[in-house]
Amino acid sequence: MSRSLARSANELMVQYAHYHRDKRNIATHFVGIPLIVFGVSVLLSRPEWLLFGQAVTPILVLWVVSSLWYLSRGQWLLGAATSIVNGLLMLIAHNVAGGSTVSWLAWGIGSFVVGWVFQFVGHHFEGKKPAFVDDLVGLLVGPMFVVGEALMGAGLLPALADQIEHEAGATR
């Protein structure tokens, strides 16, 4: 697992892309992955601890650690964009988590489950298992892949787009 965590963004994106060449699968990931990140963020927005007078939650710690990891993968734009998107989902989730316990659990578990339904429907279209089945780092790469696909769709990261298409094949 340690070598897996140390790979560059390009290596990780190419490996992940091997499991995601069907456009319908990629499309479901644009819904499923943000819902999963949001659901986890809602659930990990409780409990809160005070650290030097500031509220700290498990999701804040996870966001900081994962952001450092994304930023250290060698693709600054991709790492920064992924961290920003995850941070925005976390901020929205934090507000949702402030409601009643029933509301907190319903939003957290509901978003998480619906997100995974989208993921598995997409992988049904793909005809392949999800990437994380073979490498748990795929759970971290998923958000980066969705953000990367959006950036590449906007004409950014052309070298990465070319590398993915060359090594993993064209989308179909």
N, C-alpha and C. Protein backbone atom coordinates (compact mmCIF):
# COMPACT_ATOMS: atom_id res chain seq x y z
N MET A 1 0.82 -1.19 0.00
CA MET A 1 0.00 0.00 0.00
C MET A 1 0.86 1.25 0.00
N SER A 2 2.06 1.24 0.64
CA SER A 2 2.86 2.45 0.72
C SER A 2 3.32 2.91 -0.67
N ARG A 3 3.73 2.01 -1.55
CA ARG A 3 4.10 2.38 -2.92
C ARG A 3 2.89 2.93 -3.64
N SER A 4 1.76 2.35 -3.39
CA SER A 4 0.52 2.79 -4.03
C SER A 4 0.22 4.24 -3.66
N LEU A 5 0.41 4.61 -2.41
CA LEU A 5 0.16 5.98 -1.95
C LEU A 5 1.16 6.97 -2.52
N ALA A 6 2.36 6.50 -2.87
CA ALA A 6 3.44 7.39 -3.31
C ALA A 6 3.42 7.69 -4.80
N ARG A 7 2.56 7.04 -5.56
CA ARG A 7 2.55 7.25 -7.01
C ARG A 7 2.13 8.67 -7.39
N SER A 8 2.55 9.08 -8.57
CA SER A 8 2.20 10.41 -9.07
C SER A 8 0.73 10.46 -9.47
N ALA A 9 0.22 11.67 -9.61
CA ALA A 9 -1.16 11.85 -10.06
C ALA A 9 -1.35 11.19 -11.43
N ASN A 10 -0.39 11.35 -12.31
CA ASN A 10 -0.52 10.76 -13.64
C ASN A 10 -0.64 9.24 -13.55
N GLU A 11 0.23 8.60 -12.76
CA GLU A 11 0.16 7.13 -12.60
C GLU A 11 -1.19 6.72 -12.02
N LEU A 12 -1.63 7.43 -11.01
CA LEU A 12 -2.90 7.10 -10.35
C LEU A 12 -4.08 7.29 -11.30
N MET A 13 -4.06 8.38 -12.04
CA MET A 13 -5.17 8.67 -12.97
C MET A 13 -5.22 7.64 -14.10
N VAL A 14 -4.06 7.24 -14.61
CA VAL A 14 -4.04 6.22 -15.68
C VAL A 14 -4.56 4.90 -15.14
N GLN A 15 -4.08 4.49 -13.96
CA GLN A 15 -4.56 3.23 -13.39
C GLN A 15 -6.07 3.27 -13.19
N TYR A 16 -6.58 4.36 -12.63
CA TYR A 16 -8.00 4.50 -12.38
C TYR A 16 -8.78 4.50 -13.69
N ALA A 17 -8.23 5.14 -14.70
CA ALA A 17 -8.90 5.22 -16.01
C ALA A 17 -9.08 3.86 -16.64
N HIS A 18 -8.20 2.91 -16.35
CA HIS A 18 -8.36 1.55 -16.90
C HIS A 18 -9.70 0.94 -16.50
N TYR A 19 -10.26 1.39 -15.40
CA TYR A 19 -11.55 0.88 -14.90
C TYR A 19 -12.71 1.77 -15.34
N HIS A 20 -12.40 2.84 -16.08
CA HIS A 20 -13.41 3.86 -16.38
C HIS A 20 -13.24 4.37 -17.81
N ARG A 21 -13.63 3.58 -18.79
CA ARG A 21 -13.54 4.02 -20.18
C ARG A 21 -14.91 4.21 -20.80
N ASP A 22 -15.96 3.72 -20.18
CA ASP A 22 -17.32 3.89 -20.69
C ASP A 22 -17.85 5.25 -20.25
N LYS A 23 -18.31 6.06 -21.20
CA LYS A 23 -18.78 7.41 -20.88
C LYS A 23 -19.93 7.41 -19.88
N ARG A 24 -20.78 6.39 -19.93
CA ARG A 24 -21.89 6.32 -18.98
C ARG A 24 -21.36 6.09 -17.56
N ASN A 25 -20.33 5.28 -17.43
CA ASN A 25 -19.72 5.04 -16.12
C ASN A 25 -19.09 6.33 -15.60
N ILE A 26 -18.37 7.02 -16.45
CA ILE A 26 -17.76 8.29 -16.03
C ILE A 26 -18.85 9.28 -15.62
N ALA A 27 -19.94 9.33 -16.36
CA ALA A 27 -21.05 10.24 -16.03
C ALA A 27 -21.64 9.91 -14.66
N THR A 28 -21.82 8.63 -14.36
CA THR A 28 -22.38 8.27 -13.05
C THR A 28 -21.43 8.66 -11.92
N HIS A 29 -20.13 8.68 -12.22
CA HIS A 29 -19.16 9.07 -11.20
C HIS A 29 -19.26 10.56 -10.87
N PHE A 30 -19.71 11.37 -11.82
CA PHE A 30 -19.88 12.80 -11.55
C PHE A 30 -21.00 13.05 -10.55
N VAL A 31 -21.88 12.09 -10.38
CA VAL A 31 -22.94 12.18 -9.37
C VAL A 31 -22.55 11.38 -8.14
N GLY A 32 -22.13 10.14 -8.35
CA GLY A 32 -21.87 9.22 -7.25
C GLY A 32 -20.74 9.65 -6.33
N ILE A 33 -19.62 10.04 -6.90
CA ILE A 33 -18.46 10.37 -6.06
C ILE A 33 -18.72 11.61 -5.20
N PRO A 34 -19.24 12.70 -5.76
CA PRO A 34 -19.56 13.82 -4.87
C PRO A 34 -20.56 13.46 -3.77
N LEU A 35 -21.55 12.61 -4.09
CA LEU A 35 -22.50 12.19 -3.05
C LEU A 35 -21.80 11.39 -1.96
N ILE A 36 -20.87 10.53 -2.34
CA ILE A 36 -20.13 9.74 -1.34
C ILE A 36 -19.27 10.66 -0.49
N VAL A 37 -18.54 11.56 -1.12
CA VAL A 37 -17.70 12.50 -0.37
C VAL A 37 -18.57 13.35 0.57
N PHE A 38 -19.70 13.81 0.06
CA PHE A 38 -20.62 14.59 0.88
C PHE A 38 -21.13 13.77 2.06
N GLY A 39 -21.58 12.53 1.79
CA GLY A 39 -22.10 11.67 2.86
C GLY A 39 -21.08 11.40 3.94
N VAL A 40 -19.86 11.08 3.54
CA VAL A 40 -18.78 10.84 4.51
C VAL A 40 -18.51 12.13 5.28
N SER A 41 -18.53 13.26 4.58
CA SER A 41 -18.27 14.54 5.23
C SER A 41 -19.35 14.87 6.27
N VAL A 42 -20.60 14.58 5.93
CA VAL A 42 -21.68 14.81 6.90
C VAL A 42 -21.44 13.95 8.14
N LEU A 43 -21.19 12.67 7.92
CA LEU A 43 -21.04 11.75 9.06
C LEU A 43 -19.83 12.09 9.91
N LEU A 44 -18.75 12.55 9.28
CA LEU A 44 -17.53 12.86 10.03
C LEU A 44 -17.47 14.32 10.51
N SER A 45 -18.58 15.06 10.34
CA SER A 45 -18.64 16.42 10.87
C SER A 45 -19.00 16.43 12.35
N ARG A 46 -19.26 15.28 12.90
CA ARG A 46 -19.49 15.10 14.33
C ARG A 46 -18.52 14.03 14.79
N PRO A 47 -17.94 14.04 15.88
CA PRO A 47 -17.99 15.02 16.96
C PRO A 47 -17.05 16.20 16.66
N GLU A 48 -17.10 17.19 17.54
CA GLU A 48 -16.21 18.34 17.47
C GLU A 48 -15.35 18.38 18.73
N TRP A 49 -14.08 18.71 18.53
CA TRP A 49 -13.18 18.93 19.65
C TRP A 49 -12.65 20.34 19.55
N LEU A 50 -12.34 20.92 20.68
CA LEU A 50 -11.72 22.24 20.67
C LEU A 50 -10.21 22.07 20.72
N LEU A 51 -9.54 22.71 19.79
CA LEU A 51 -8.08 22.69 19.74
C LEU A 51 -7.62 24.13 19.60
N PHE A 52 -6.99 24.65 20.65
CA PHE A 52 -6.57 26.06 20.68
C PHE A 52 -7.74 26.99 20.39
N GLY A 53 -8.90 26.65 20.94
CA GLY A 53 -10.07 27.49 20.80
C GLY A 53 -10.81 27.33 19.48
N GLN A 54 -10.36 26.44 18.62
CA GLN A 54 -10.99 26.22 17.32
C GLN A 54 -11.66 24.84 17.30
N ALA A 55 -12.83 24.78 16.69
CA ALA A 55 -13.54 23.51 16.56
C ALA A 55 -12.84 22.66 15.49
N VAL A 56 -12.55 21.43 15.84
CA VAL A 56 -11.91 20.49 14.92
C VAL A 56 -12.79 19.25 14.86
N THR A 57 -13.08 18.81 13.63
CA THR A 57 -13.89 17.61 13.42
C THR A 57 -13.06 16.56 12.68
N PRO A 58 -13.49 15.31 12.73
CA PRO A 58 -12.77 14.28 11.98
C PRO A 58 -12.69 14.60 10.48
N ILE A 59 -13.74 15.19 9.90
CA ILE A 59 -13.69 15.49 8.47
C ILE A 59 -12.68 16.59 8.17
N LEU A 60 -12.51 17.53 9.06
CA LEU A 60 -11.51 18.57 8.86
C LEU A 60 -10.11 17.96 8.83
N VAL A 61 -9.85 17.06 9.76
CA VAL A 61 -8.54 16.38 9.79
C VAL A 61 -8.35 15.58 8.51
N LEU A 62 -9.37 14.83 8.10
CA LEU A 62 -9.28 14.04 6.87
C LEU A 62 -9.07 14.93 5.65
N TRP A 63 -9.75 16.08 5.60
CA TRP A 63 -9.59 17.00 4.48
C TRP A 63 -8.16 17.55 4.42
N VAL A 64 -7.61 17.94 5.55
CA VAL A 64 -6.25 18.48 5.58
C VAL A 64 -5.26 17.42 5.11
N VAL A 65 -5.36 16.22 5.65
CA VAL A 65 -4.42 15.14 5.28
C VAL A 65 -4.58 14.77 3.81
N SER A 66 -5.82 14.62 3.34
CA SER A 66 -6.02 14.25 1.93
C SER A 66 -5.60 15.38 1.00
N SER A 67 -5.82 16.63 1.40
CA SER A 67 -5.39 17.76 0.57
C SER A 67 -3.87 17.79 0.42
N LEU A 68 -3.16 17.54 1.51
CA LEU A 68 -1.70 17.46 1.43
C LEU A 68 -1.27 16.35 0.47
N TRP A 69 -1.98 15.23 0.53
CA TRP A 69 -1.66 14.11 -0.37
C TRP A 69 -1.94 14.50 -1.82
N TYR A 70 -3.12 15.07 -2.10
CA TYR A 70 -3.44 15.49 -3.48
C TYR A 70 -2.41 16.49 -4.00
N LEU A 71 -2.04 17.45 -3.17
CA LEU A 71 -1.09 18.48 -3.60
C LEU A 71 0.33 17.95 -3.80
N SER A 72 0.63 16.82 -3.21
CA SER A 72 1.98 16.25 -3.33
C SER A 72 2.11 15.23 -4.46
N ARG A 73 1.10 15.08 -5.30
CA ARG A 73 1.12 14.06 -6.37
C ARG A 73 1.76 14.56 -7.66
N GLY A 74 2.20 15.81 -7.72
CA GLY A 74 2.93 16.29 -8.88
C GLY A 74 2.09 16.98 -9.94
N GLN A 75 0.81 17.12 -9.71
CA GLN A 75 -0.08 17.87 -10.62
C GLN A 75 -0.75 18.93 -9.76
N TRP A 76 -0.11 20.10 -9.66
CA TRP A 76 -0.57 21.11 -8.73
C TRP A 76 -2.01 21.53 -9.00
N LEU A 77 -2.37 21.81 -10.25
CA LEU A 77 -3.73 22.25 -10.58
C LEU A 77 -4.75 21.19 -10.19
N LEU A 78 -4.48 19.96 -10.54
CA LEU A 78 -5.39 18.86 -10.21
C LEU A 78 -5.52 18.69 -8.70
N GLY A 79 -4.40 18.74 -7.99
CA GLY A 79 -4.42 18.59 -6.53
C GLY A 79 -5.17 19.72 -5.86
N ALA A 80 -4.91 20.96 -6.31
CA ALA A 80 -5.58 22.12 -5.71
C ALA A 80 -7.08 22.09 -6.01
N ALA A 81 -7.44 21.78 -7.25
CA ALA A 81 -8.86 21.74 -7.62
C ALA A 81 -9.60 20.65 -6.84
N THR A 82 -8.97 19.49 -6.68
CA THR A 82 -9.61 18.40 -5.93
C THR A 82 -9.79 18.80 -4.47
N SER A 83 -8.78 19.43 -3.90
CA SER A 83 -8.87 19.87 -2.50
C SER A 83 -9.97 20.92 -2.32
N ILE A 84 -10.09 21.83 -3.29
CA ILE A 84 -11.13 22.87 -3.20
C ILE A 84 -12.52 22.25 -3.31
N VAL A 85 -12.71 21.36 -4.27
CA VAL A 85 -14.03 20.72 -4.43
C VAL A 85 -14.38 19.93 -3.17
N ASN A 86 -13.44 19.13 -2.67
CA ASN A 86 -13.70 18.37 -1.44
C ASN A 86 -13.98 19.31 -0.27
N GLY A 87 -13.25 20.42 -0.20
CA GLY A 87 -13.47 21.39 0.87
C GLY A 87 -14.85 22.02 0.81
N LEU A 88 -15.31 22.34 -0.40
CA LEU A 88 -16.66 22.90 -0.54
C LEU A 88 -17.72 21.89 -0.12
N LEU A 89 -17.55 20.64 -0.53
CA LEU A 89 -18.49 19.59 -0.10
C LEU A 89 -18.47 19.46 1.42
N MET A 90 -17.29 19.56 2.01
CA MET A 90 -17.14 19.44 3.46
C MET A 90 -17.85 20.61 4.17
N LEU A 91 -17.70 21.81 3.63
CA LEU A 91 -18.35 22.97 4.25
C LEU A 91 -19.87 22.85 4.21
N ILE A 92 -20.40 22.43 3.08
CA ILE A 92 -21.85 22.22 2.97
C ILE A 92 -22.29 21.13 3.95
N ALA A 93 -21.51 20.05 3.99
CA ALA A 93 -21.83 18.93 4.88
C ALA A 93 -21.81 19.36 6.34
N HIS A 94 -20.88 20.21 6.69
CA HIS A 94 -20.78 20.68 8.07
C HIS A 94 -22.07 21.39 8.49
N ASN A 95 -22.62 22.19 7.59
CA ASN A 95 -23.88 22.87 7.89
C ASN A 95 -25.02 21.88 8.04
N VAL A 96 -25.08 20.88 7.18
CA VAL A 96 -26.13 19.86 7.25
C VAL A 96 -26.00 19.06 8.55
N ALA A 97 -24.77 18.78 8.96
CA ALA A 97 -24.54 17.97 10.16
C ALA A 97 -24.97 18.68 11.43
N GLY A 98 -25.19 19.99 11.35
CA GLY A 98 -25.60 20.74 12.52
C GLY A 98 -27.05 20.56 12.92
N GLY A 99 -27.80 19.84 12.11
CA GLY A 99 -29.21 19.62 12.43
C GLY A 99 -29.38 18.54 13.48
N SER A 100 -30.59 18.03 13.57
CA SER A 100 -30.89 16.97 14.54
C SER A 100 -30.09 15.71 14.21
N THR A 101 -30.02 14.83 15.18
CA THR A 101 -29.31 13.56 14.97
C THR A 101 -29.95 12.77 13.84
N VAL A 102 -31.27 12.75 13.77
CA VAL A 102 -31.96 12.02 12.70
C VAL A 102 -31.62 12.62 11.34
N SER A 103 -31.64 13.94 11.26
CA SER A 103 -31.31 14.61 10.01
C SER A 103 -29.86 14.35 9.62
N TRP A 104 -28.94 14.45 10.58
CA TRP A 104 -27.51 14.18 10.35
C TRP A 104 -27.32 12.78 9.78
N LEU A 105 -27.91 11.79 10.42
CA LEU A 105 -27.75 10.41 9.95
C LEU A 105 -28.44 10.18 8.61
N ALA A 106 -29.62 10.75 8.42
CA ALA A 106 -30.34 10.56 7.16
C ALA A 106 -29.56 11.15 5.99
N TRP A 107 -29.05 12.38 6.14
CA TRP A 107 -28.26 13.00 5.07
C TRP A 107 -26.95 12.25 4.84
N GLY A 108 -26.27 11.90 5.91
CA GLY A 108 -24.98 11.22 5.78
C GLY A 108 -25.11 9.84 5.16
N ILE A 109 -25.93 9.01 5.76
CA ILE A 109 -26.09 7.64 5.26
C ILE A 109 -26.80 7.64 3.91
N GLY A 110 -27.84 8.46 3.78
CA GLY A 110 -28.58 8.50 2.52
C GLY A 110 -27.70 8.92 1.34
N SER A 111 -26.93 9.98 1.50
CA SER A 111 -26.04 10.43 0.42
C SER A 111 -25.00 9.37 0.10
N PHE A 112 -24.44 8.77 1.12
CA PHE A 112 -23.42 7.74 0.94
C PHE A 112 -23.99 6.55 0.15
N VAL A 113 -25.15 6.06 0.54
CA VAL A 113 -25.76 4.91 -0.12
C VAL A 113 -26.16 5.24 -1.56
N VAL A 114 -26.81 6.38 -1.77
CA VAL A 114 -27.22 6.77 -3.13
C VAL A 114 -25.99 6.94 -4.02
N GLY A 115 -24.92 7.51 -3.47
CA GLY A 115 -23.68 7.66 -4.23
C GLY A 115 -23.13 6.32 -4.68
N TRP A 116 -23.14 5.34 -3.80
CA TRP A 116 -22.64 4.01 -4.18
C TRP A 116 -23.56 3.33 -5.18
N VAL A 117 -24.85 3.58 -5.11
CA VAL A 117 -25.77 3.03 -6.13
C VAL A 117 -25.36 3.56 -7.51
N PHE A 118 -25.12 4.85 -7.61
CA PHE A 118 -24.66 5.42 -8.88
C PHE A 118 -23.35 4.76 -9.33
N GLN A 119 -22.44 4.56 -8.39
CA GLN A 119 -21.15 3.94 -8.74
C GLN A 119 -21.35 2.55 -9.33
N PHE A 120 -22.17 1.75 -8.68
CA PHE A 120 -22.33 0.37 -9.13
C PHE A 120 -23.13 0.29 -10.43
N VAL A 121 -24.06 1.20 -10.65
CA VAL A 121 -24.74 1.26 -11.94
C VAL A 121 -23.73 1.58 -13.03
N GLY A 122 -22.86 2.53 -12.78
CA GLY A 122 -21.83 2.88 -13.75
C GLY A 122 -20.92 1.72 -14.05
N HIS A 123 -20.53 0.99 -13.04
CA HIS A 123 -19.64 -0.15 -13.27
C HIS A 123 -20.37 -1.31 -13.94
N HIS A 124 -21.68 -1.36 -13.82
CA HIS A 124 -22.46 -2.32 -14.60
C HIS A 124 -22.32 -1.98 -16.09
N PHE A 125 -22.45 -0.69 -16.43
CA PHE A 125 -22.26 -0.25 -17.82
C PHE A 125 -20.85 -0.58 -18.30
N GLU A 126 -19.87 -0.36 -17.43
CA GLU A 126 -18.46 -0.57 -17.77
C GLU A 126 -18.16 -2.05 -17.95
N GLY A 127 -18.82 -2.88 -17.15
CA GLY A 127 -18.52 -4.30 -17.19
C GLY A 127 -17.26 -4.65 -16.41
N LYS A 128 -16.83 -3.75 -15.54
CA LYS A 128 -15.64 -3.98 -14.71
C LYS A 128 -15.95 -3.59 -13.28
N LYS A 129 -15.21 -4.20 -12.37
CA LYS A 129 -15.36 -3.86 -10.96
C LYS A 129 -14.77 -2.48 -10.69
N PRO A 130 -15.17 -1.85 -9.58
CA PRO A 130 -14.57 -0.56 -9.21
C PRO A 130 -13.07 -0.70 -8.93
N ALA A 131 -12.32 0.35 -9.18
CA ALA A 131 -10.86 0.34 -9.03
C ALA A 131 -10.43 0.02 -7.60
N PHE A 132 -11.18 0.49 -6.61
CA PHE A 132 -10.76 0.29 -5.22
C PHE A 132 -10.75 -1.17 -4.81
N VAL A 133 -11.44 -2.04 -5.56
CA VAL A 133 -11.44 -3.46 -5.24
C VAL A 133 -10.02 -4.02 -5.33
N ASP A 134 -9.26 -3.54 -6.32
CA ASP A 134 -7.88 -4.00 -6.50
C ASP A 134 -6.86 -3.15 -5.75
N ASP A 135 -7.22 -1.92 -5.41
CA ASP A 135 -6.29 -1.00 -4.77
C ASP A 135 -7.10 0.03 -3.98
N LEU A 136 -7.05 -0.05 -2.66
CA LEU A 136 -7.85 0.84 -1.82
C LEU A 136 -7.54 2.32 -2.03
N VAL A 137 -6.38 2.62 -2.59
CA VAL A 137 -6.05 4.02 -2.88
C VAL A 137 -7.05 4.58 -3.89
N GLY A 138 -7.72 3.71 -4.63
CA GLY A 138 -8.76 4.14 -5.56
C GLY A 138 -9.85 4.95 -4.88
N LEU A 139 -10.04 4.74 -3.58
CA LEU A 139 -11.03 5.54 -2.85
C LEU A 139 -10.60 7.00 -2.76
N LEU A 140 -9.30 7.26 -2.72
CA LEU A 140 -8.80 8.63 -2.74
C LEU A 140 -8.72 9.17 -4.17
N VAL A 141 -8.48 8.30 -5.12
CA VAL A 141 -8.31 8.73 -6.50
C VAL A 141 -9.65 9.10 -7.13
N GLY A 142 -10.74 8.49 -6.70
CA GLY A 142 -12.05 8.78 -7.28
C GLY A 142 -12.38 10.26 -7.37
N PRO A 143 -12.30 11.00 -6.25
CA PRO A 143 -12.57 12.44 -6.35
C PRO A 143 -11.59 13.15 -7.30
N MET A 144 -10.34 12.76 -7.29
CA MET A 144 -9.35 13.37 -8.17
C MET A 144 -9.67 13.06 -9.63
N PHE A 145 -10.17 11.87 -9.90
CA PHE A 145 -10.53 11.47 -11.26
C PHE A 145 -11.68 12.33 -11.79
N VAL A 146 -12.71 12.51 -10.97
CA VAL A 146 -13.86 13.31 -11.40
C VAL A 146 -13.43 14.75 -11.66
N VAL A 147 -12.66 15.32 -10.75
CA VAL A 147 -12.18 16.69 -10.94
C VAL A 147 -11.28 16.74 -12.17
N GLY A 148 -10.41 15.75 -12.33
CA GLY A 148 -9.54 15.69 -13.50
C GLY A 148 -10.32 15.60 -14.80
N GLU A 149 -11.35 14.79 -14.81
CA GLU A 149 -12.19 14.68 -16.02
C GLU A 149 -12.84 16.03 -16.35
N ALA A 150 -13.28 16.75 -15.33
CA ALA A 150 -13.88 18.07 -15.56
C ALA A 150 -12.83 19.04 -16.10
N LEU A 151 -11.64 19.03 -15.51
CA LEU A 151 -10.58 19.91 -15.98
C LEU A 151 -10.17 19.57 -17.41
N MET A 152 -10.04 18.28 -17.70
CA MET A 152 -9.66 17.87 -19.06
C MET A 152 -10.77 18.20 -20.05
N GLY A 153 -12.02 18.08 -19.62
CA GLY A 153 -13.15 18.45 -20.47
C GLY A 153 -13.17 19.93 -20.79
N ALA A 154 -12.57 20.74 -19.90
CA ALA A 154 -12.47 22.19 -20.11
C ALA A 154 -11.21 22.56 -20.89
N GLY A 155 -10.49 21.55 -21.36
CA GLY A 155 -9.29 21.80 -22.15
C GLY A 155 -8.03 21.99 -21.33
N LEU A 156 -8.10 21.79 -20.03
CA LEU A 156 -6.93 21.89 -19.17
C LEU A 156 -6.30 20.50 -19.02
N LEU A 157 -5.08 20.44 -18.61
CA LEU A 157 -4.33 19.19 -18.42
C LEU A 157 -4.26 18.34 -19.70
N PRO A 158 -3.94 18.94 -20.86
CA PRO A 158 -3.94 18.17 -22.11
C PRO A 158 -2.92 17.03 -22.13
N ALA A 159 -1.77 17.22 -21.49
CA ALA A 159 -0.77 16.14 -21.48
C ALA A 159 -1.29 14.94 -20.70
N LEU A 160 -1.97 15.19 -19.59
CA LEU A 160 -2.55 14.09 -18.81
C LEU A 160 -3.65 13.40 -19.61
N ALA A 161 -4.49 14.17 -20.29
CA ALA A 161 -5.55 13.58 -21.12
C ALA A 161 -4.95 12.69 -22.20
N ASP A 162 -3.88 13.15 -22.84
CA ASP A 162 -3.22 12.35 -23.88
C ASP A 162 -2.62 11.08 -23.29
N GLN A 163 -1.99 11.19 -22.12
CA GLN A 163 -1.39 10.02 -21.48
C GLN A 163 -2.45 8.99 -21.11
N ILE A 164 -3.57 9.45 -20.56
CA ILE A 164 -4.65 8.52 -20.20
C ILE A 164 -5.16 7.81 -21.44
N GLU A 165 -5.42 8.56 -22.50
CA GLU A 165 -5.96 7.96 -23.71
C GLU A 165 -4.95 6.99 -24.34
N HIS A 166 -3.69 7.34 -24.28
CA HIS A 166 -2.65 6.47 -24.86
C HIS A 166 -2.50 5.17 -24.05
N GLU A 167 -2.50 5.29 -22.73
CA GLU A 167 -2.23 4.12 -21.87
C GLU A 167 -3.47 3.33 -21.49
N ALA A 168 -4.61 4.01 -21.31
CA ALA A 168 -5.84 3.31 -20.88
C ALA A 168 -6.82 3.11 -22.01
N GLY A 169 -6.63 3.85 -23.11
CA GLY A 169 -7.53 3.73 -24.24
C GLY A 169 -8.56 4.85 -24.27
N ALA A 170 -9.19 4.97 -25.40
CA ALA A 170 -10.21 6.02 -25.59
C ALA A 170 -11.48 5.66 -24.83
N THR A 171 -12.22 6.69 -24.47
CA THR A 171 -13.54 6.42 -23.88
C THR A 171 -14.47 5.96 -25.00
N ARG A 172 -15.48 5.21 -24.58
CA ARG A 172 -16.42 4.69 -25.57
C ARG A 172 -17.84 4.91 -25.08
